[in-house]
């Protein structure tokens, strides 16, 4: 049995916002609230980063147009006692997806957790 850290990317839609900072705040808050309602407070929620096409420097994954924003969120979850990487990915998507219905999710990274690191 193996333990994994699974990183998911979510596309969060925010309506009636004026700027990127407000959109990010609302997206993180709404996602956290929905996860906490389903007792999934162990999922870490952060704003994602996108590389600038010109210089490659990362910036917050958020775009606002016509008062509506698309915010890229990064969700991290530790999955324990799995039969492997694919099993951990399925468990993570099921756990997070159940709380965040109708939110597109994609697994972006899966890292095996060394048992010695947790001690």
PDB file of N, CA and C in Angstrom:
ATOM      1  N   UNK A   1       0.838  -1.187   0.000  1.00  0.00           N
ATOM      2  CA  UNK A   1       0.000   0.000   0.000  1.00  0.00           C
ATOM      3  C   UNK A   1       0.881   1.249   0.000  1.00  0.00           C
ATOM      4  N   UNK A   2       0.487   2.215  -0.796  1.00  0.00           N
ATOM      5  CA  UNK A   2       1.276   3.438  -0.953  1.00  0.00           C
ATOM      6  C   UNK A   2       0.432   4.665  -0.633  1.00  0.00           C
ATOM      7  N   UNK A   3       1.122   5.733  -0.253  1.00  0.00           N
ATOM      8  CA  UNK A   3       0.482   7.021   0.018  1.00  0.00           C
ATOM      9  C   UNK A   3       0.951   8.015  -1.040  1.00  0.00           C
ATOM     10  N   UNK A   4       0.023   8.885  -1.482  1.00  0.00           N
ATOM     11  CA  UNK A   4       0.352   9.837  -2.533  1.00  0.00           C
ATOM     12  C   UNK A   4      -0.203  11.214  -2.209  1.00  0.00           C
ATOM     13  N   UNK A   5       0.502  12.231  -2.699  1.00  0.00           N
ATOM     14  CA  UNK A   5      -0.014  13.594  -2.756  1.00  0.00           C
ATOM     15  C   UNK A   5      -0.510  13.771  -4.183  1.00  0.00           C
ATOM     16  N   UNK A   6      -1.802  14.090  -4.325  1.00  0.00           N
ATOM     17  CA  UNK A   6      -2.390  14.286  -5.648  1.00  0.00           C
ATOM     18  C   UNK A   6      -2.741  15.759  -5.792  1.00  0.00           C
ATOM     19  N   UNK A   7      -2.278  16.363  -6.877  1.00  0.00           N
ATOM     20  CA  UNK A   7      -2.537  17.772  -7.159  1.00  0.00           C
ATOM     21  C   UNK A   7      -3.520  17.847  -8.319  1.00  0.00           C
ATOM     22  N   UNK A   8      -4.638  18.522  -8.064  1.00  0.00           N
ATOM     23  CA  UNK A   8      -5.678  18.694  -9.072  1.00  0.00           C
ATOM     24  C   UNK A   8      -5.761  20.155  -9.476  1.00  0.00           C
ATOM     25  N   UNK A   9      -6.169  20.386 -10.707  1.00  0.00           N
ATOM     26  CA  UNK A   9      -6.418  21.738 -11.185  1.00  0.00           C
ATOM     27  C   UNK A   9      -7.920  21.848 -11.425  1.00  0.00           C
ATOM     28  N   UNK A  10      -8.510  22.953 -10.972  1.00  0.00           N
ATOM     29  CA  UNK A  10      -9.938  23.191 -11.143  1.00  0.00           C
ATOM     30  C   UNK A  10     -10.162  24.512 -11.857  1.00  0.00           C
ATOM     31  N   UNK A  11     -11.162  24.538 -12.719  1.00  0.00           N
ATOM     32  CA  UNK A  11     -11.553  25.767 -13.410  1.00  0.00           C
ATOM     33  C   UNK A  11     -12.776  26.325 -12.696  1.00  0.00           C
ATOM     34  N   UNK A  12     -12.602  27.474 -12.027  1.00  0.00           N
ATOM     35  CA  UNK A  12     -13.667  28.045 -11.206  1.00  0.00           C
ATOM     36  C   UNK A  12     -14.202  29.316 -11.853  1.00  0.00           C
ATOM     37  N   UNK A  13     -15.509  29.383 -12.066  1.00  0.00           N
ATOM     38  CA  UNK A  13     -16.157  30.528 -12.683  1.00  0.00           C
ATOM     39  C   UNK A  13     -16.707  31.454 -11.599  1.00  0.00           C
ATOM     40  N   UNK A  14     -16.378  32.728 -11.693  1.00  0.00           N
ATOM     41  CA  UNK A  14     -16.849  33.727 -10.723  1.00  0.00           C
ATOM     42  C   UNK A  14     -17.569  34.819 -11.501  1.00  0.00           C
ATOM     43  N   UNK A  15     -18.785  35.119 -11.103  1.00  0.00           N
ATOM     44  CA  UNK A  15     -19.579  36.143 -11.786  1.00  0.00           C
ATOM     45  C   UNK A  15     -19.607  37.437 -10.975  1.00  0.00           C
ATOM     46  N   UNK A  16     -19.842  38.540 -11.672  1.00  0.00           N
ATOM     47  CA  UNK A  16     -19.994  39.860 -11.049  1.00  0.00           C
ATOM     48  C   UNK A  16     -18.789  40.284 -10.223  1.00  0.00           C
ATOM     49  N   UNK A  17     -17.612  40.251 -10.828  1.00  0.00           N
ATOM     50  CA  UNK A  17     -16.399  40.736 -10.164  1.00  0.00           C
ATOM     51  C   UNK A  17     -15.768  41.833 -11.012  1.00  0.00           C
ATOM     52  N   UNK A  18     -15.017  42.690 -10.350  1.00  0.00           N
ATOM     53  CA  UNK A  18     -14.415  43.814 -11.037  1.00  0.00           C
ATOM     54  C   UNK A  18     -12.957  43.637 -11.402  1.00  0.00           C
ATOM     55  N   UNK A  19     -12.241  42.821 -10.626  1.00  0.00           N
ATOM     56  CA  UNK A  19     -10.817  42.674 -10.912  1.00  0.00           C
ATOM     57  C   UNK A  19     -10.329  41.275 -10.539  1.00  0.00           C
ATOM     58  N   UNK A  20      -9.108  40.995 -10.911  1.00  0.00           N
ATOM     59  CA  UNK A  20      -8.515  39.667 -10.714  1.00  0.00           C
ATOM     60  C   UNK A  20      -8.396  39.317  -9.231  1.00  0.00           C
ATOM     61  N   UNK A  21      -7.963  40.266  -8.405  1.00  0.00           N
ATOM     62  CA  UNK A  21      -7.790  39.975  -6.974  1.00  0.00           C
ATOM     63  C   UNK A  21      -9.110  39.580  -6.320  1.00  0.00           C
ATOM     64  N   UNK A  22     -10.189  40.290  -6.658  1.00  0.00           N
ATOM     65  CA  UNK A  22     -11.501  39.931  -6.120  1.00  0.00           C
ATOM     66  C   UNK A  22     -11.932  38.549  -6.600  1.00  0.00           C
ATOM     67  N   UNK A  23     -11.693  38.262  -7.866  1.00  0.00           N
ATOM     68  CA  UNK A  23     -12.068  36.968  -8.430  1.00  0.00           C
ATOM     69  C   UNK A  23     -11.336  35.826  -7.726  1.00  0.00           C
ATOM     70  N   UNK A  24     -10.042  36.010  -7.489  1.00  0.00           N
ATOM     71  CA  UNK A  24      -9.254  34.982  -6.806  1.00  0.00           C
ATOM     72  C   UNK A  24      -9.784  34.770  -5.390  1.00  0.00           C
ATOM     73  N   UNK A  25     -10.037  35.859  -4.676  1.00  0.00           N
ATOM     74  CA  UNK A  25     -10.553  35.748  -3.312  1.00  0.00           C
ATOM     75  C   UNK A  25     -11.877  35.014  -3.252  1.00  0.00           C
ATOM     76  N   UNK A  26     -12.781  35.353  -4.162  1.00  0.00           N
ATOM     77  CA  UNK A  26     -14.093  34.703  -4.194  1.00  0.00           C
ATOM     78  C   UNK A  26     -13.948  33.226  -4.555  1.00  0.00           C
ATOM     79  N   UNK A  27     -13.125  32.904  -5.544  1.00  0.00           N
ATOM     80  CA  UNK A  27     -12.963  31.513  -5.974  1.00  0.00           C
ATOM     81  C   UNK A  27     -12.397  30.641  -4.860  1.00  0.00           C
ATOM     82  N   UNK A  28     -11.347  31.107  -4.206  1.00  0.00           N
ATOM     83  CA  UNK A  28     -10.732  30.331  -3.118  1.00  0.00           C
ATOM     84  C   UNK A  28     -11.725  30.170  -1.969  1.00  0.00           C
ATOM     85  N   UNK A  29     -12.435  31.243  -1.645  1.00  0.00           N
ATOM     86  CA  UNK A  29     -13.406  31.199  -0.557  1.00  0.00           C
ATOM     87  C   UNK A  29     -14.556  30.239  -0.863  1.00  0.00           C
ATOM     88  N   UNK A  30     -15.118  30.336  -2.068  1.00  0.00           N
ATOM     89  CA  UNK A  30     -16.235  29.465  -2.437  1.00  0.00           C
ATOM     90  C   UNK A  30     -15.809  27.998  -2.476  1.00  0.00           C
ATOM     91  N   UNK A  31     -14.647  27.724  -3.034  1.00  0.00           N
ATOM     92  CA  UNK A  31     -14.167  26.339  -3.091  1.00  0.00           C
ATOM     93  C   UNK A  31     -13.944  25.795  -1.678  1.00  0.00           C
ATOM     94  N   UNK A  32     -13.304  26.594  -0.824  1.00  0.00           N
ATOM     95  CA  UNK A  32     -13.085  26.170   0.561  1.00  0.00           C
ATOM     96  C   UNK A  32     -14.382  25.911   1.299  1.00  0.00           C
ATOM     97  N   UNK A  33     -15.366  26.775   1.077  1.00  0.00           N
ATOM     98  CA  UNK A  33     -16.663  26.613   1.736  1.00  0.00           C
ATOM     99  C   UNK A  33     -17.341  25.316   1.292  1.00  0.00           C
ATOM    100  N   UNK A  34     -17.339  25.042  -0.007  1.00  0.00           N
ATOM    101  CA  UNK A  34     -17.969  23.820  -0.506  1.00  0.00           C
ATOM    102  C   UNK A  34     -17.250  22.571  -0.010  1.00  0.00           C
ATOM    103  N   UNK A  35     -15.943  22.622   0.081  1.00  0.00           N
ATOM    104  CA  UNK A  35     -15.189  21.479   0.605  1.00  0.00           C
ATOM    105  C   UNK A  35     -15.458  21.285   2.090  1.00  0.00           C
ATOM    106  N   UNK A  36     -15.502  22.376   2.855  1.00  0.00           N
ATOM    107  CA  UNK A  36     -15.761  22.276   4.291  1.00  0.00           C
ATOM    108  C   UNK A  36     -17.164  21.776   4.583  1.00  0.00           C
ATOM    109  N   UNK A  37     -18.135  22.153   3.756  1.00  0.00           N
ATOM    110  CA  UNK A  37     -19.506  21.664   3.942  1.00  0.00           C
ATOM    111  C   UNK A  37     -19.577  20.153   3.820  1.00  0.00           C
ATOM    112  N   UNK A  38     -18.712  19.582   2.997  1.00  0.00           N
ATOM    113  CA  UNK A  38     -18.666  18.131   2.799  1.00  0.00           C
ATOM    114  C   UNK A  38     -17.605  17.473   3.668  1.00  0.00           C
ATOM    115  N   UNK A  39     -17.123  18.205   4.683  1.00  0.00           N
ATOM    116  CA  UNK A  39     -16.108  17.710   5.616  1.00  0.00           C
ATOM    117  C   UNK A  39     -14.833  17.271   4.898  1.00  0.00           C
ATOM    118  N   UNK A  40     -14.410  18.082   3.944  1.00  0.00           N
ATOM    119  CA  UNK A  40     -13.183  17.822   3.189  1.00  0.00           C
ATOM    120  C   UNK A  40     -12.179  18.941   3.443  1.00  0.00           C
ATOM    121  N   UNK A  41     -12.075  19.374   4.693  1.00  0.00           N
ATOM    122  CA  UNK A  41     -11.179  20.476   5.037  1.00  0.00           C
ATOM    123  C   UNK A  41      -9.706  20.095   4.890  1.00  0.00           C
ATOM    124  N   UNK A  42      -9.423  18.819   4.665  1.00  0.00           N
ATOM    125  CA  UNK A  42      -8.049  18.364   4.487  1.00  0.00           C
ATOM    126  C   UNK A  42      -7.537  18.640   3.064  1.00  0.00           C
ATOM    127  N   UNK A  43      -8.384  19.165   2.193  1.00  0.00           N
ATOM    128  CA  UNK A  43      -7.970  19.527   0.836  1.00  0.00           C
ATOM    129  C   UNK A  43      -7.455  20.964   0.874  1.00  0.00           C
ATOM    130  N   UNK A  44      -6.224  21.157   0.418  1.00  0.00           N
ATOM    131  CA  UNK A  44      -5.629  22.494   0.404  1.00  0.00           C
ATOM    132  C   UNK A  44      -5.995  23.188  -0.908  1.00  0.00           C
ATOM    133  N   UNK A  45      -6.487  24.434  -0.800  1.00  0.00           N
ATOM    134  CA  UNK A  45      -6.932  25.197  -1.958  1.00  0.00           C
ATOM    135  C   UNK A  45      -6.022  26.406  -2.154  1.00  0.00           C
ATOM    136  N   UNK A  46      -5.478  26.560  -3.371  1.00  0.00           N
ATOM    137  CA  UNK A  46      -4.631  27.705  -3.718  1.00  0.00           C
ATOM    138  C   UNK A  46      -4.957  28.145  -5.137  1.00  0.00           C
ATOM    139  N   UNK A  47      -4.563  29.358  -5.462  1.00  0.00           N
ATOM    140  CA  UNK A  47      -4.694  29.818  -6.836  1.00  0.00           C
ATOM    141  C   UNK A  47      -3.541  29.238  -7.649  1.00  0.00           C
ATOM    142  N   UNK A  48      -3.835  28.874  -8.889  1.00  0.00           N
ATOM    143  CA  UNK A  48      -2.818  28.304  -9.750  1.00  0.00           C
ATOM    144  C   UNK A  48      -1.924  29.372 -10.357  1.00  0.00           C
ATOM    145  N   UNK A  49      -0.912  28.934 -11.060  1.00  0.00           N
ATOM    146  CA  UNK A  49       0.008  29.850 -11.735  1.00  0.00           C
ATOM    147  C   UNK A  49       0.093  29.470 -13.207  1.00  0.00           C
ATOM    148  N   UNK A  50       0.151  30.496 -14.036  1.00  0.00           N
ATOM    149  CA  UNK A  50       0.273  30.319 -15.475  1.00  0.00           C
ATOM    150  C   UNK A  50       1.522  31.050 -15.939  1.00  0.00           C
ATOM    151  N   UNK A  51       2.272  30.432 -16.813  1.00  0.00           N
ATOM    152  CA  UNK A  51       3.481  31.071 -17.335  1.00  0.00           C
ATOM    153  C   UNK A  51       3.156  32.102 -18.397  1.00  0.00           C
ATOM    154  N   UNK A  52       3.805  33.231 -18.318  1.00  0.00           N
ATOM    155  CA  UNK A  52       3.648  34.284 -19.324  1.00  0.00           C
ATOM    156  C   UNK A  52       4.171  33.749 -20.662  1.00  0.00           C
ATOM    157  N   UNK A  53       3.398  33.900 -21.745  1.00  0.00           N
ATOM    158  CA  UNK A  53       3.873  33.397 -23.036  1.00  0.00           C
ATOM    159  C   UNK A  53       5.096  34.146 -23.565  1.00  0.00           C
ATOM    160  N   UNK A  54       5.287  35.386 -23.142  1.00  0.00           N
ATOM    161  CA  UNK A  54       6.415  36.180 -23.642  1.00  0.00           C
ATOM    162  C   UNK A  54       7.695  35.927 -22.856  1.00  0.00           C
ATOM    163  N   UNK A  55       7.584  35.984 -21.508  1.00  0.00           N
ATOM    164  CA  UNK A  55       8.803  35.905 -20.699  1.00  0.00           C
ATOM    165  C   UNK A  55       8.913  34.630 -19.864  1.00  0.00           C
ATOM    166  N   UNK A  56       7.812  33.897 -19.721  1.00  0.00           N
ATOM    167  CA  UNK A  56       7.843  32.660 -18.956  1.00  0.00           C
ATOM    168  C   UNK A  56       7.638  32.819 -17.463  1.00  0.00           C
ATOM    169  N   UNK A  57       7.588  34.068 -16.975  1.00  0.00           N
ATOM    170  CA  UNK A  57       7.379  34.306 -15.548  1.00  0.00           C
ATOM    171  C   UNK A  57       5.960  33.890 -15.154  1.00  0.00           C
ATOM    172  N   UNK A  58       5.788  33.242 -13.991  1.00  0.00           N
ATOM    173  CA  UNK A  58       4.448  32.830 -13.570  1.00  0.00           C
ATOM    174  C   UNK A  58       3.618  34.001 -13.053  1.00  0.00           C
ATOM    175  N   UNK A  59       2.317  33.933 -13.315  1.00  0.00           N
ATOM    176  CA  UNK A  59       1.369  34.890 -12.749  1.00  0.00           C
ATOM    177  C   UNK A  59       0.100  34.126 -12.379  1.00  0.00           C
ATOM    178  N   UNK A  60      -0.744  34.746 -11.533  1.00  0.00           N
ATOM    179  CA  UNK A  60      -1.961  34.080 -11.060  1.00  0.00           C
ATOM    180  C   UNK A  60      -2.845  33.667 -12.235  1.00  0.00           C
ATOM    181  N   UNK A  61      -3.398  32.452 -12.143  1.00  0.00           N
ATOM    182  CA  UNK A  61      -4.276  31.933 -13.193  1.00  0.00           C
ATOM    183  C   UNK A  61      -5.680  32.491 -13.019  1.00  0.00           C
ATOM    184  N   UNK A  62      -5.896  33.673 -13.517  1.00  0.00           N
ATOM    185  CA  UNK A  62      -7.217  34.288 -13.450  1.00  0.00           C
ATOM    186  C   UNK A  62      -7.369  35.241 -14.619  1.00  0.00           C
ATOM    187  N   UNK A  63      -8.567  35.257 -15.197  1.00  0.00           N
ATOM    188  CA  UNK A  63      -8.861  36.134 -16.311  1.00  0.00           C
ATOM    189  C   UNK A  63     -10.255  36.703 -16.110  1.00  0.00           C
ATOM    190  N   UNK A  64     -10.382  38.025 -16.199  1.00  0.00           N
ATOM    191  CA  UNK A  64     -11.666  38.688 -16.022  1.00  0.00           C
ATOM    192  C   UNK A  64     -12.055  39.360 -17.330  1.00  0.00           C
ATOM    193  N   UNK A  65     -13.286  39.098 -17.779  1.00  0.00           N
ATOM    194  CA  UNK A  65     -13.851  39.768 -18.946  1.00  0.00           C
ATOM    195  C   UNK A  65     -15.344  39.939 -18.714  1.00  0.00           C
ATOM    196  N   UNK A  66     -15.835  41.145 -18.962  1.00  0.00           N
ATOM    197  CA  UNK A  66     -17.265  41.449 -18.841  1.00  0.00           C
ATOM    198  C   UNK A  66     -17.817  41.074 -17.463  1.00  0.00           C
ATOM    199  N   UNK A  67     -17.037  41.314 -16.419  1.00  0.00           N
ATOM    200  CA  UNK A  67     -17.494  41.063 -15.061  1.00  0.00           C
ATOM    201  C   UNK A  67     -17.530  39.607 -14.652  1.00  0.00           C
ATOM    202  N   UNK A  68     -17.000  38.724 -15.496  1.00  0.00           N
ATOM    203  CA  UNK A  68     -16.976  37.290 -15.203  1.00  0.00           C
ATOM    204  C   UNK A  68     -15.528  36.818 -15.259  1.00  0.00           C
ATOM    205  N   UNK A  69     -15.160  35.978 -14.295  1.00  0.00           N
ATOM    206  CA  UNK A  69     -13.770  35.517 -14.220  1.00  0.00           C
ATOM    207  C   UNK A  69     -13.690  34.002 -14.299  1.00  0.00           C
ATOM    208  N   UNK A  70     -12.611  33.553 -14.888  1.00  0.00           N
ATOM    209  CA  UNK A  70     -12.232  32.151 -14.850  1.00  0.00           C
ATOM    210  C   UNK A  70     -10.947  32.084 -14.041  1.00  0.00           C
ATOM    211  N   UNK A  71     -11.004  31.354 -12.918  1.00  0.00           N
ATOM    212  CA  UNK A  71      -9.860  31.259 -12.013  1.00  0.00           C
ATOM    213  C   UNK A  71      -9.396  29.806 -11.978  1.00  0.00           C
ATOM    214  N   UNK A  72      -8.117  29.615 -12.191  1.00  0.00           N
ATOM    215  CA  UNK A  72      -7.527  28.280 -12.090  1.00  0.00           C
ATOM    216  C   UNK A  72      -7.087  28.033 -10.654  1.00  0.00           C
ATOM    217  N   UNK A  73      -7.683  27.043 -10.018  1.00  0.00           N
ATOM    218  CA  UNK A  73      -7.336  26.693  -8.638  1.00  0.00           C
ATOM    219  C   UNK A  73      -6.511  25.418  -8.627  1.00  0.00           C
ATOM    220  N   UNK A  74      -5.636  25.320  -7.640  1.00  0.00           N
ATOM    221  CA  UNK A  74      -4.845  24.110  -7.405  1.00  0.00           C
ATOM    222  C   UNK A  74      -5.327  23.511  -6.087  1.00  0.00           C
ATOM    223  N   UNK A  75      -5.718  22.248  -6.146  1.00  0.00           N
ATOM    224  CA  UNK A  75      -6.237  21.537  -4.974  1.00  0.00           C
ATOM    225  C   UNK A  75      -5.299  20.379  -4.671  1.00  0.00           C
ATOM    226  N   UNK A  76      -4.807  20.326  -3.437  1.00  0.00           N
ATOM    227  CA  UNK A  76      -3.881  19.262  -3.036  1.00  0.00           C
ATOM    228  C   UNK A  76      -4.536  18.382  -1.985  1.00  0.00           C
ATOM    229  N   UNK A  77      -4.403  17.070  -2.169  1.00  0.00           N
ATOM    230  CA  UNK A  77      -4.988  16.118  -1.232  1.00  0.00           C
ATOM    231  C   UNK A  77      -4.026  14.944  -1.039  1.00  0.00           C
ATOM    232  N   UNK A  78      -3.836  14.538   0.205  1.00  0.00           N
ATOM    233  CA  UNK A  78      -3.054  13.348   0.519  1.00  0.00           C
ATOM    234  C   UNK A  78      -3.995  12.152   0.495  1.00  0.00           C
ATOM    235  N   UNK A  79      -3.603  11.112  -0.230  1.00  0.00           N
ATOM    236  CA  UNK A  79      -4.406   9.897  -0.339  1.00  0.00           C
ATOM    237  C   UNK A  79      -3.565   8.746   0.217  1.00  0.00           C
ATOM    238  N   UNK A  80      -4.136   8.038   1.188  1.00  0.00           N
ATOM    239  CA  UNK A  80      -3.389   7.006   1.905  1.00  0.00           C
ATOM    240  C   UNK A  80      -3.870   5.608   1.553  1.00  0.00           C
ATOM    241  N   UNK A  81      -2.949   4.631   1.682  1.00  0.00           N
ATOM    242  CA  UNK A  81      -3.240   3.206   1.515  1.00  0.00           C
ATOM    243  C   UNK A  81      -3.876   2.880   0.168  1.00  0.00           C
ATOM    244  N   UNK A  82      -3.208   3.285  -0.910  1.00  0.00           N
ATOM    245  CA  UNK A  82      -3.728   3.024  -2.241  1.00  0.00           C
ATOM    246  C   UNK A  82      -2.981   1.857  -2.883  1.00  0.00           C
ATOM    247  N   UNK A  83      -3.542   1.351  -3.957  1.00  0.00           N
ATOM    248  CA  UNK A  83      -2.915   0.256  -4.697  1.00  0.00           C
ATOM    249  C   UNK A  83      -1.969   0.760  -5.778  1.00  0.00           C
ATOM    250  N   UNK A  84      -1.737   2.063  -5.813  1.00  0.00           N
ATOM    251  CA  UNK A  84      -0.825   2.619  -6.804  1.00  0.00           C
ATOM    252  C   UNK A  84      -1.242   4.022  -7.209  1.00  0.00           C
ATOM    253  N   UNK A  85      -0.481   4.576  -8.151  1.00  0.00           N
ATOM    254  CA  UNK A  85      -0.691   5.962  -8.572  1.00  0.00           C
ATOM    255  C   UNK A  85      -2.064   6.177  -9.211  1.00  0.00           C
ATOM    256  N   UNK A  86      -2.479   5.299 -10.096  1.00  0.00           N
ATOM    257  CA  UNK A  86      -3.778   5.459 -10.754  1.00  0.00           C
ATOM    258  C   UNK A  86      -4.922   5.364  -9.748  1.00  0.00           C
ATOM    259  N   UNK A  87      -4.796   4.476  -8.789  1.00  0.00           N
ATOM    260  CA  UNK A  87      -5.812   4.338  -7.747  1.00  0.00           C
ATOM    261  C   UNK A  87      -5.893   5.620  -6.922  1.00  0.00           C
ATOM    262  N   UNK A  88      -4.760   6.197  -6.582  1.00  0.00           N
ATOM    263  CA  UNK A  88      -4.730   7.448  -5.822  1.00  0.00           C
ATOM    264  C   UNK A  88      -5.394   8.573  -6.605  1.00  0.00           C
ATOM    265  N   UNK A  89      -5.139   8.630  -7.911  1.00  0.00           N
ATOM    266  CA  UNK A  89      -5.760   9.661  -8.759  1.00  0.00           C
ATOM    267  C   UNK A  89      -7.279   9.523  -8.779  1.00  0.00           C
ATOM    268  N   UNK A  90      -7.764   8.303  -8.913  1.00  0.00           N
ATOM    269  CA  UNK A  90      -9.216   8.067  -8.931  1.00  0.00           C
ATOM    270  C   UNK A  90      -9.845   8.452  -7.603  1.00  0.00           C
ATOM    271  N   UNK A  91      -9.199   8.090  -6.504  1.00  0.00           N
ATOM    272  CA  UNK A  91      -9.720   8.440  -5.175  1.00  0.00           C
ATOM    273  C   UNK A  91      -9.769   9.952  -5.009  1.00  0.00           C
ATOM    274  N   UNK A  92      -8.698  10.645  -5.385  1.00  0.00           N
ATOM    275  CA  UNK A  92      -8.647  12.105  -5.240  1.00  0.00           C
ATOM    276  C   UNK A  92      -9.739  12.783  -6.050  1.00  0.00           C
ATOM    277  N   UNK A  93      -9.908  12.367  -7.312  1.00  0.00           N
ATOM    278  CA  UNK A  93     -10.945  12.981  -8.147  1.00  0.00           C
ATOM    279  C   UNK A  93     -12.336  12.698  -7.594  1.00  0.00           C
ATOM    280  N   UNK A  94     -12.531  11.516  -7.040  1.00  0.00           N
ATOM    281  CA  UNK A  94     -13.823  11.176  -6.453  1.00  0.00           C
ATOM    282  C   UNK A  94     -14.107  12.007  -5.205  1.00  0.00           C
ATOM    283  N   UNK A  95     -13.122  12.117  -4.323  1.00  0.00           N
ATOM    284  CA  UNK A  95     -13.285  12.872  -3.081  1.00  0.00           C
ATOM    285  C   UNK A  95     -13.552  14.354  -3.356  1.00  0.00           C
ATOM    286  N   UNK A  96     -12.721  14.956  -4.183  1.00  0.00           N
ATOM    287  CA  UNK A  96     -12.844  16.382  -4.468  1.00  0.00           C
ATOM    288  C   UNK A  96     -14.039  16.643  -5.389  1.00  0.00           C
ATOM    289  N   UNK A  97     -14.200  15.806  -6.406  1.00  0.00           N
ATOM    290  CA  UNK A  97     -15.295  15.982  -7.352  1.00  0.00           C
ATOM    291  C   UNK A  97     -16.662  15.850  -6.718  1.00  0.00           C
ATOM    292  N   UNK A  98     -16.779  15.028  -5.692  1.00  0.00           N
ATOM    293  CA  UNK A  98     -18.051  14.891  -4.999  1.00  0.00           C
ATOM    294  C   UNK A  98     -18.467  16.169  -4.289  1.00  0.00           C
ATOM    295  N   UNK A  99     -17.505  16.911  -3.806  1.00  0.00           N
ATOM    296  CA  UNK A  99     -17.794  18.166  -3.102  1.00  0.00           C
ATOM    297  C   UNK A  99     -17.915  19.338  -4.064  1.00  0.00           C
ATOM    298  N   UNK A 100     -17.215  19.275  -5.185  1.00  0.00           N
ATOM    299  CA  UNK A 100     -17.212  20.376  -6.145  1.00  0.00           C
ATOM    300  C   UNK A 100     -17.907  19.945  -7.432  1.00  0.00           C
ATOM    301  N   UNK A 101     -19.171  19.622  -7.310  1.00  0.00           N
ATOM    302  CA  UNK A 101     -19.950  19.190  -8.470  1.00  0.00           C
ATOM    303  C   UNK A 101     -19.931  20.271  -9.548  1.00  0.00           C
ATOM    304  N   UNK A 102     -19.928  19.852 -10.804  1.00  0.00           N
ATOM    305  CA  UNK A 102     -19.967  20.741 -11.965  1.00  0.00           C
ATOM    306  C   UNK A 102     -18.745  21.634 -12.090  1.00  0.00           C
ATOM    307  N   UNK A 103     -17.647  21.274 -11.435  1.00  0.00           N
ATOM    308  CA  UNK A 103     -16.395  22.015 -11.564  1.00  0.00           C
ATOM    309  C   UNK A 103     -15.407  21.104 -12.309  1.00  0.00           C
ATOM    310  N   UNK A 104     -14.907  21.549 -13.459  1.00  0.00           N
ATOM    311  CA  UNK A 104     -13.951  20.720 -14.190  1.00  0.00           C
ATOM    312  C   UNK A 104     -12.669  20.498 -13.377  1.00  0.00           C
ATOM    313  N   UNK A 105     -12.242  19.242 -13.283  1.00  0.00           N
ATOM    314  CA  UNK A 105     -11.033  18.868 -12.546  1.00  0.00           C
ATOM    315  C   UNK A 105     -10.095  18.092 -13.454  1.00  0.00           C
ATOM    316  N   UNK A 106      -8.806  18.300 -13.238  1.00  0.00           N
ATOM    317  CA  UNK A 106      -7.796  17.558 -13.980  1.00  0.00           C
ATOM    318  C   UNK A 106      -6.626  17.274 -13.040  1.00  0.00           C
ATOM    319  N   UNK A 107      -6.131  16.053 -13.046  1.00  0.00           N
ATOM    320  CA  UNK A 107      -4.964  15.709 -12.239  1.00  0.00           C
ATOM    321  C   UNK A 107      -3.729  16.257 -12.946  1.00  0.00           C
ATOM    322  N   UNK A 108      -2.942  17.067 -12.236  1.00  0.00           N
ATOM    323  CA  UNK A 108      -1.740  17.643 -12.836  1.00  0.00           C
ATOM    324  C   UNK A 108      -0.454  17.029 -12.297  1.00  0.00           C
ATOM    325  N   UNK A 109      -0.526  16.426 -11.110  1.00  0.00           N
ATOM    326  CA  UNK A 109       0.681  15.823 -10.538  1.00  0.00           C
ATOM    327  C   UNK A 109       0.294  14.805  -9.475  1.00  0.00           C
ATOM    328  N   UNK A 110       1.080  13.738  -9.405  1.00  0.00           N
ATOM    329  CA  UNK A 110       0.914  12.719  -8.368  1.00  0.00           C
ATOM    330  C   UNK A 110       2.305  12.381  -7.855  1.00  0.00           C
ATOM    331  N   UNK A 111       2.504  12.535  -6.550  1.00  0.00           N
ATOM    332  CA  UNK A 111       3.820  12.301  -5.945  1.00  0.00           C
ATOM    333  C   UNK A 111       3.661  11.307  -4.813  1.00  0.00           C
ATOM    334  N   UNK A 112       4.482  10.268  -4.842  1.00  0.00           N
ATOM    335  CA  UNK A 112       4.439   9.297  -3.751  1.00  0.00           C
ATOM    336  C   UNK A 112       5.027   9.919  -2.496  1.00  0.00           C
ATOM    337  N   UNK A 113       4.324   9.736  -1.384  1.00  0.00           N
ATOM    338  CA  UNK A 113       4.764  10.271  -0.096  1.00  0.00           C
ATOM    339  C   UNK A 113       5.608   9.214   0.590  1.00  0.00           C
ATOM    340  N   UNK A 114       6.817   9.585   0.946  1.00  0.00           N
ATOM    341  CA  UNK A 114       7.712   8.686   1.668  1.00  0.00           C
ATOM    342  C   UNK A 114       7.258   8.639   3.121  1.00  0.00           C
ATOM    343  N   UNK A 115       7.015   7.439   3.647  1.00  0.00           N
ATOM    344  CA  UNK A 115       6.541   7.287   5.024  1.00  0.00           C
ATOM    345  C   UNK A 115       7.513   7.894   6.035  1.00  0.00           C
ATOM    346  N   UNK A 116       8.816   7.888   5.727  1.00  0.00           N
ATOM    347  CA  UNK A 116       9.822   8.434   6.644  1.00  0.00           C
ATOM    348  C   UNK A 116       9.713   9.955   6.747  1.00  0.00           C
ATOM    349  N   UNK A 117       9.225  10.634   5.699  1.00  0.00           N
ATOM    350  CA  UNK A 117       9.109  12.095   5.704  1.00  0.00           C
ATOM    351  C   UNK A 117       8.035  12.586   6.651  1.00  0.00           C
ATOM    352  N   UNK A 118       6.991  11.767   6.874  1.00  0.00           N
ATOM    353  CA  UNK A 118       5.867  12.184   7.699  1.00  0.00           C
ATOM    354  C   UNK A 118       6.195  12.175   9.186  1.00  0.00           C
ATOM    355  N   UNK A 119       7.190  11.425   9.588  1.00  0.00           N
ATOM    356  CA  UNK A 119       7.520  11.306  11.022  1.00  0.00           C
ATOM    357  C   UNK A 119       8.234  12.508  11.543  1.00  0.00           C
TER     358      UNK A 119
END
